[in-house]
Amino acid sequence: MEYEVGKLAPGYYADLIALDKSPLNDIGQLSAVWFVMQQGKVIHHHEQDKSAVI
């Protein structure tokens, strides 16, 4: 596993979130997540929120 983590590259696993703007300038950006990737697979995308009932 040590050769499958630690990089953003083809063939590697990644846990990350994608944001529209930097949270370093505005911590509130963490509430506007575009997508979540876990173990190299997108598990949540902002497009899914359009059909969500709140």
Protein backbone atom coordinates (compact mmCIF):
# COMPACT_ATOMS: atom_id res chain seq x y z
CA MET A 1 0.00 0.00 0.00
CA GLU A 2 2.89 2.41 0.59
CA TYR A 3 3.29 2.76 -3.19
CA GLU A 4 -0.42 3.49 -3.73
CA VAL A 5 -0.81 6.52 -1.44
CA GLY A 6 0.88 9.90 -0.95
CA LYS A 7 0.43 11.28 -4.49
CA LEU A 8 -2.25 12.62 -6.76
CA ALA A 9 -1.42 10.51 -9.78
CA PRO A 10 -2.97 7.74 -11.89
CA GLY A 11 -2.95 4.43 -10.04
CA TYR A 12 -2.89 6.02 -6.57
CA TYR A 13 -5.72 6.23 -4.04
CA ALA A 14 -6.74 9.65 -2.73
CA ASP A 15 -8.96 11.08 0.00
CA LEU A 16 -9.67 14.72 -0.75
CA ILE A 17 -12.28 17.42 -1.04
CA ALA A 18 -12.59 19.93 -3.88
CA LEU A 19 -13.60 23.49 -3.15
CA ASP A 20 -14.42 26.44 -5.40
CA LYS A 21 -12.18 28.85 -3.44
CA SER A 22 -9.37 28.59 -0.93
CA PRO A 23 -10.37 28.01 2.70
CA LEU A 24 -7.14 29.77 3.70
CA ASN A 25 -8.77 33.08 2.73
CA ASP A 26 -12.31 32.22 3.88
CA ILE A 27 -12.91 29.26 6.21
CA GLY A 28 -16.58 29.35 5.20
CA GLN A 29 -15.57 27.78 1.88
CA LEU A 30 -15.44 24.44 3.71
CA SER A 31 -19.24 24.46 3.68
CA ALA A 32 -19.27 24.66 -0.14
CA VAL A 33 -17.68 21.32 -1.08
CA TRP A 34 -17.82 20.46 -4.81
CA PHE A 35 -16.95 16.82 -4.36
CA VAL A 36 -15.49 14.31 -1.93
CA MET A 37 -13.11 11.58 -3.08
CA GLN A 38 -12.35 8.61 -0.84
CA GLN A 39 -9.86 5.91 -1.79
CA GLY A 40 -9.73 7.29 -5.33
CA LYS A 41 -13.51 7.22 -5.91
CA VAL A 42 -15.90 10.19 -5.93
CA ILE A 43 -18.43 9.47 -3.17
CA HIS A 44 -20.22 12.82 -3.17
CA HIS A 45 -20.61 15.45 -5.88
CA HIS A 46 -22.35 18.82 -5.61
CA GLU A 47 -24.71 17.81 -8.46
CA GLN A 48 -26.25 15.24 -6.07
CA ASP A 49 -27.37 18.09 -3.81
CA LYS A 50 -29.79 19.43 -6.44
CA SER A 51 -32.22 16.59 -5.80
CA ALA A 52 -31.76 16.50 -2.03
CA VAL A 53 -34.68 17.49 0.16
CA ILE A 54 -33.67 19.64 3.11
